[in-house]
């Protein structure tokens, strides 16, 4: 076994900015998953079927539906929802 090779990485962004962008994209992915769930409900699927398709529990599905019914698209944001808990 040889030594691990170390590669140079050009830092086009400060570490903080890179972390910020990663967090934003992760957040968007969570919102997208919630929107897929709601779309399945729009198409007539049950909460159980929709939850299984997006990989969440039935309880989470009911929670997401409650958020959606309360505030629509804005309710998909976890941060926004915490204001009302």
Foldseek 3Di string as FASTA:
>chain_A
DDDDDDDDDDPPDPPVVVVVVVVVVVQVVQLVLLVQLVVVVVVPDDLCVSCVVSPHDSVVSVVSVVLCVVPNSQSSRPVSVVVVD
